């Protein structure tokens, strides 16, 4: 079993976990909207992150993208961080656009 890549200082999570958390939040909002009369169709979701890219040559895991805590003072230099913007179009398991309500 490959060793887990340690999270670099000044980062909060990896990019995959951030996207997974968004998926869970949208799924929760969809579930909460079943009995609502007013719903919103989700079109495009834009996520923007400042990330640090690390290479793990020991575990042969390739590269890893870590979401940077932009509030962390003295963390990463500007040249070591990158901005990544993801534009996602959510679909349900049946291929439809999800609907969510304004209530939690």
N, C-alpha and C. Protein backbone atom coordinates (compact mmCIF):
# COMPACT_ATOMS: atom_id res chain seq x y z
N UNK A 1 0.85 -1.17 0.00
CA UNK A 1 0.00 0.00 0.00
C UNK A 1 0.89 1.24 0.00
N UNK A 2 0.58 2.19 -0.89
CA UNK A 2 1.37 3.41 -0.99
C UNK A 2 1.11 4.31 0.20
N UNK A 3 2.15 4.97 0.65
CA UNK A 3 2.01 5.90 1.77
C UNK A 3 1.25 7.13 1.32
N UNK A 4 0.47 7.69 2.23
CA UNK A 4 -0.26 8.92 1.94
C UNK A 4 0.71 10.08 1.86
N UNK A 5 0.46 10.96 0.91
CA UNK A 5 1.28 12.15 0.78
C UNK A 5 0.92 13.12 1.90
N UNK A 6 1.91 13.53 2.70
CA UNK A 6 1.60 14.47 3.79
C UNK A 6 1.14 15.82 3.25
N UNK A 7 0.18 16.42 3.91
CA UNK A 7 -0.36 17.71 3.50
C UNK A 7 0.66 18.80 3.81
N UNK A 8 1.06 19.60 2.81
CA UNK A 8 2.03 20.67 3.05
C UNK A 8 1.48 21.74 3.99
N UNK A 9 2.37 22.38 4.74
CA UNK A 9 1.98 23.48 5.63
C UNK A 9 1.34 24.59 4.80
N UNK A 10 0.31 25.22 5.37
CA UNK A 10 -0.34 26.33 4.69
C UNK A 10 -1.45 25.90 3.75
N UNK A 11 -1.71 24.58 3.68
CA UNK A 11 -2.80 24.10 2.83
C UNK A 11 -3.91 23.56 3.71
N UNK A 12 -5.13 23.50 3.17
CA UNK A 12 -6.27 23.07 3.97
C UNK A 12 -6.80 21.70 3.57
N UNK A 13 -6.67 21.33 2.30
CA UNK A 13 -7.14 20.03 1.83
C UNK A 13 -6.58 19.82 0.44
N UNK A 14 -6.81 18.63 -0.11
CA UNK A 14 -6.41 18.46 -1.50
C UNK A 14 -7.58 18.82 -2.41
N UNK A 15 -7.30 19.02 -3.66
CA UNK A 15 -8.30 19.48 -4.62
C UNK A 15 -9.44 18.48 -4.75
N UNK A 16 -9.14 17.20 -4.76
CA UNK A 16 -10.19 16.18 -4.89
C UNK A 16 -11.17 16.24 -3.73
N UNK A 17 -10.67 16.45 -2.51
CA UNK A 17 -11.56 16.55 -1.35
C UNK A 17 -12.43 17.80 -1.41
N UNK A 18 -11.89 18.89 -1.93
CA UNK A 18 -12.68 20.13 -2.05
C UNK A 18 -13.84 19.93 -3.03
N UNK A 19 -13.57 19.27 -4.16
CA UNK A 19 -14.63 19.01 -5.14
C UNK A 19 -15.64 18.01 -4.56
N UNK A 20 -15.15 17.01 -3.84
CA UNK A 20 -16.03 16.02 -3.20
C UNK A 20 -16.96 16.70 -2.20
N UNK A 21 -16.43 17.64 -1.42
CA UNK A 21 -17.25 18.37 -0.43
C UNK A 21 -18.34 19.19 -1.13
N UNK A 22 -18.00 19.80 -2.26
CA UNK A 22 -19.01 20.56 -3.01
C UNK A 22 -20.11 19.63 -3.51
N UNK A 23 -19.72 18.46 -4.02
CA UNK A 23 -20.71 17.48 -4.49
C UNK A 23 -21.65 17.09 -3.36
N UNK A 24 -21.11 16.86 -2.18
CA UNK A 24 -21.93 16.49 -1.02
C UNK A 24 -22.89 17.61 -0.64
N UNK A 25 -22.43 18.87 -0.67
CA UNK A 25 -23.28 20.01 -0.34
C UNK A 25 -24.42 20.16 -1.35
N UNK A 26 -24.09 20.02 -2.64
CA UNK A 26 -25.14 20.13 -3.66
C UNK A 26 -26.14 18.98 -3.53
N UNK A 27 -25.66 17.78 -3.24
CA UNK A 27 -26.56 16.63 -3.05
C UNK A 27 -27.48 16.86 -1.86
N UNK A 28 -26.94 17.42 -0.79
CA UNK A 28 -27.73 17.72 0.40
C UNK A 28 -28.80 18.77 0.08
N UNK A 29 -28.44 19.79 -0.67
CA UNK A 29 -29.40 20.82 -1.06
C UNK A 29 -30.50 20.25 -1.95
N UNK A 30 -30.14 19.33 -2.84
CA UNK A 30 -31.15 18.69 -3.70
C UNK A 30 -32.12 17.88 -2.86
N UNK A 31 -31.60 17.11 -1.91
CA UNK A 31 -32.45 16.27 -1.06
C UNK A 31 -33.40 17.13 -0.23
N UNK A 32 -32.92 18.28 0.21
CA UNK A 32 -33.74 19.17 1.04
C UNK A 32 -34.83 19.86 0.23
N UNK A 33 -34.70 19.86 -1.09
CA UNK A 33 -35.65 20.61 -1.92
C UNK A 33 -36.83 19.78 -2.42
N UNK A 34 -36.90 18.51 -2.07
CA UNK A 34 -37.94 17.63 -2.62
C UNK A 34 -39.35 18.17 -2.44
N UNK A 35 -39.66 18.71 -1.29
CA UNK A 35 -41.02 19.18 -1.02
C UNK A 35 -41.18 20.69 -1.17
N UNK A 36 -40.19 21.36 -1.69
CA UNK A 36 -40.25 22.81 -1.84
C UNK A 36 -41.00 23.19 -3.12
N UNK A 37 -41.76 24.27 -3.07
CA UNK A 37 -42.47 24.74 -4.26
C UNK A 37 -41.56 25.58 -5.16
N UNK A 38 -40.58 26.24 -4.57
CA UNK A 38 -39.63 27.04 -5.34
C UNK A 38 -38.28 26.34 -5.34
N UNK A 39 -37.81 26.04 -6.52
CA UNK A 39 -36.49 25.40 -6.66
C UNK A 39 -35.65 26.19 -7.65
N UNK A 40 -34.36 25.97 -7.60
CA UNK A 40 -33.43 26.62 -8.52
C UNK A 40 -32.71 25.54 -9.30
N UNK A 41 -32.64 25.73 -10.61
CA UNK A 41 -31.89 24.80 -11.44
C UNK A 41 -30.42 25.21 -11.39
N UNK A 42 -29.56 24.27 -11.14
CA UNK A 42 -28.13 24.56 -11.08
C UNK A 42 -27.58 24.48 -12.50
N UNK A 43 -26.96 25.56 -12.95
CA UNK A 43 -26.42 25.60 -14.31
C UNK A 43 -24.93 25.31 -14.27
N UNK A 44 -24.13 26.31 -14.00
CA UNK A 44 -22.69 26.14 -13.94
C UNK A 44 -22.21 26.51 -12.54
N UNK A 45 -21.32 25.71 -12.01
CA UNK A 45 -20.72 25.97 -10.72
C UNK A 45 -19.25 26.30 -10.99
N UNK A 46 -18.81 27.46 -10.54
CA UNK A 46 -17.42 27.86 -10.74
C UNK A 46 -16.71 27.83 -9.40
N UNK A 47 -15.60 27.13 -9.35
CA UNK A 47 -14.78 27.05 -8.13
C UNK A 47 -13.40 27.58 -8.49
N UNK A 48 -12.87 28.44 -7.64
CA UNK A 48 -11.53 28.96 -7.87
C UNK A 48 -10.69 28.71 -6.63
N UNK A 49 -9.53 28.15 -6.84
CA UNK A 49 -8.63 27.80 -5.74
C UNK A 49 -7.24 28.32 -6.01
N UNK A 50 -6.53 28.64 -4.94
CA UNK A 50 -5.09 28.83 -5.01
C UNK A 50 -4.52 27.50 -4.56
N UNK A 51 -3.67 26.90 -5.38
CA UNK A 51 -3.16 25.58 -5.08
C UNK A 51 -1.63 25.56 -5.07
N UNK A 52 -1.12 24.58 -4.38
CA UNK A 52 0.31 24.26 -4.42
C UNK A 52 0.41 22.89 -5.06
N UNK A 53 1.33 22.74 -5.97
CA UNK A 53 1.52 21.47 -6.65
C UNK A 53 2.76 20.81 -6.09
N UNK A 54 2.61 19.55 -5.64
CA UNK A 54 3.76 18.81 -5.13
C UNK A 54 3.93 17.54 -5.93
N UNK A 55 5.17 17.08 -6.02
CA UNK A 55 5.47 15.82 -6.69
C UNK A 55 5.92 14.83 -5.62
N UNK A 56 5.39 13.62 -5.71
CA UNK A 56 5.74 12.58 -4.74
C UNK A 56 6.48 11.47 -5.49
N UNK A 57 7.79 11.60 -5.56
CA UNK A 57 8.58 10.62 -6.32
C UNK A 57 8.78 9.33 -5.53
N UNK A 58 8.76 9.40 -4.21
CA UNK A 58 8.97 8.19 -3.40
C UNK A 58 7.82 7.21 -3.54
N UNK A 59 6.60 7.68 -3.48
CA UNK A 59 5.42 6.81 -3.55
C UNK A 59 4.95 6.63 -5.00
N UNK A 60 5.65 7.27 -5.96
CA UNK A 60 5.28 7.19 -7.37
C UNK A 60 3.81 7.57 -7.59
N UNK A 61 3.37 8.55 -6.84
CA UNK A 61 1.97 8.98 -6.92
C UNK A 61 1.77 10.12 -7.92
N UNK A 62 2.80 10.53 -8.60
CA UNK A 62 2.68 11.64 -9.54
C UNK A 62 2.62 12.97 -8.83
N UNK A 63 1.74 13.85 -9.27
CA UNK A 63 1.61 15.15 -8.64
C UNK A 63 0.32 15.22 -7.86
N UNK A 64 0.30 16.13 -6.91
CA UNK A 64 -0.86 16.33 -6.04
C UNK A 64 -1.14 17.83 -6.00
N UNK A 65 -2.43 18.20 -6.07
CA UNK A 65 -2.84 19.60 -5.98
C UNK A 65 -3.43 19.84 -4.60
N UNK A 66 -2.88 20.80 -3.86
CA UNK A 66 -3.32 21.12 -2.50
C UNK A 66 -3.93 22.50 -2.48
N UNK A 67 -5.11 22.65 -1.88
CA UNK A 67 -5.77 23.94 -1.76
C UNK A 67 -5.08 24.73 -0.66
N UNK A 68 -4.64 25.93 -0.98
CA UNK A 68 -3.88 26.77 -0.06
C UNK A 68 -4.82 27.60 0.80
N UNK A 69 -4.48 27.72 2.07
CA UNK A 69 -5.20 28.62 2.97
C UNK A 69 -4.65 30.01 2.72
N UNK A 70 -5.40 30.83 1.96
CA UNK A 70 -4.89 32.15 1.59
C UNK A 70 -4.78 33.08 2.79
N UNK A 71 -5.38 32.73 3.90
CA UNK A 71 -5.27 33.53 5.11
C UNK A 71 -4.03 33.20 5.93
N UNK A 72 -3.32 32.16 5.56
CA UNK A 72 -2.12 31.75 6.32
C UNK A 72 -0.99 32.71 6.01
N UNK A 73 -0.52 33.39 7.00
CA UNK A 73 0.56 34.35 6.82
C UNK A 73 1.90 33.66 6.63
N UNK A 74 2.69 34.17 5.72
CA UNK A 74 4.04 33.67 5.53
C UNK A 74 4.12 32.27 4.98
N UNK A 75 3.05 31.76 4.39
CA UNK A 75 3.02 30.39 3.88
C UNK A 75 3.85 30.22 2.63
N UNK A 76 3.20 30.32 1.49
CA UNK A 76 3.84 30.05 0.22
C UNK A 76 4.21 31.33 -0.50
N UNK A 77 5.28 31.27 -1.25
CA UNK A 77 5.61 32.42 -2.08
C UNK A 77 4.69 32.43 -3.28
N UNK A 78 4.54 33.56 -3.90
CA UNK A 78 3.64 33.69 -5.05
C UNK A 78 4.06 32.74 -6.17
N UNK A 79 5.36 32.52 -6.35
CA UNK A 79 5.83 31.67 -7.44
C UNK A 79 5.54 30.20 -7.19
N UNK A 80 5.30 29.81 -5.95
CA UNK A 80 5.05 28.40 -5.64
C UNK A 80 3.57 28.06 -5.68
N UNK A 81 2.70 29.06 -5.83
CA UNK A 81 1.27 28.79 -5.85
C UNK A 81 0.69 29.11 -7.22
N UNK A 82 -0.42 28.47 -7.53
CA UNK A 82 -1.08 28.63 -8.81
C UNK A 82 -2.57 28.81 -8.58
N UNK A 83 -3.25 29.51 -9.46
CA UNK A 83 -4.70 29.64 -9.38
C UNK A 83 -5.32 28.66 -10.36
N UNK A 84 -6.26 27.87 -9.85
CA UNK A 84 -6.98 26.90 -10.68
C UNK A 84 -8.45 27.26 -10.63
N UNK A 85 -9.08 27.38 -11.78
CA UNK A 85 -10.51 27.65 -11.86
C UNK A 85 -11.17 26.45 -12.53
N UNK A 86 -12.16 25.89 -11.86
CA UNK A 86 -12.92 24.77 -12.40
C UNK A 86 -14.33 25.25 -12.70
N UNK A 87 -14.80 25.00 -13.90
CA UNK A 87 -16.20 25.27 -14.23
C UNK A 87 -16.87 23.92 -14.40
N UNK A 88 -17.81 23.62 -13.52
CA UNK A 88 -18.46 22.33 -13.48
C UNK A 88 -19.93 22.48 -13.84
N UNK A 89 -20.45 21.56 -14.60
CA UNK A 89 -21.88 21.53 -14.91
C UNK A 89 -22.45 20.29 -14.24
N UNK A 90 -23.11 20.46 -13.10
CA UNK A 90 -23.63 19.31 -12.38
C UNK A 90 -24.75 18.61 -13.15
N UNK A 91 -24.77 17.30 -13.06
CA UNK A 91 -25.83 16.47 -13.65
C UNK A 91 -26.24 15.43 -12.61
N UNK A 92 -27.50 15.06 -12.63
CA UNK A 92 -27.96 13.98 -11.75
C UNK A 92 -27.53 12.66 -12.38
N UNK A 93 -27.78 11.57 -11.67
CA UNK A 93 -27.42 10.26 -12.21
C UNK A 93 -28.21 9.92 -13.47
N UNK A 94 -29.32 10.62 -13.70
CA UNK A 94 -30.11 10.41 -14.91
C UNK A 94 -29.75 11.40 -16.02
N UNK A 95 -28.73 12.24 -15.78
CA UNK A 95 -28.26 13.17 -16.79
C UNK A 95 -28.97 14.51 -16.81
N UNK A 96 -29.86 14.76 -15.84
CA UNK A 96 -30.60 16.03 -15.79
C UNK A 96 -29.85 17.03 -14.92
N UNK A 97 -30.19 18.31 -15.12
CA UNK A 97 -29.64 19.34 -14.25
C UNK A 97 -30.32 19.25 -12.90
N UNK A 98 -29.56 19.34 -11.82
CA UNK A 98 -30.19 19.24 -10.50
C UNK A 98 -30.96 20.50 -10.15
N UNK A 99 -31.93 20.35 -9.27
CA UNK A 99 -32.69 21.48 -8.75
C UNK A 99 -32.52 21.50 -7.25
N UNK A 100 -32.31 22.71 -6.70
CA UNK A 100 -32.18 22.89 -5.26
C UNK A 100 -33.11 23.99 -4.81
N UNK A 101 -33.44 23.98 -3.52
CA UNK A 101 -34.32 25.04 -3.01
C UNK A 101 -33.48 26.07 -2.30
N UNK A 102 -34.14 27.15 -1.89
CA UNK A 102 -33.46 28.20 -1.14
C UNK A 102 -33.46 27.95 0.35
N UNK A 103 -33.97 26.85 0.78
CA UNK A 103 -34.04 26.51 2.20
C UNK A 103 -33.09 25.37 2.49
N UNK A 104 -32.51 25.33 3.69
CA UNK A 104 -31.68 24.20 4.08
C UNK A 104 -32.48 23.25 4.93
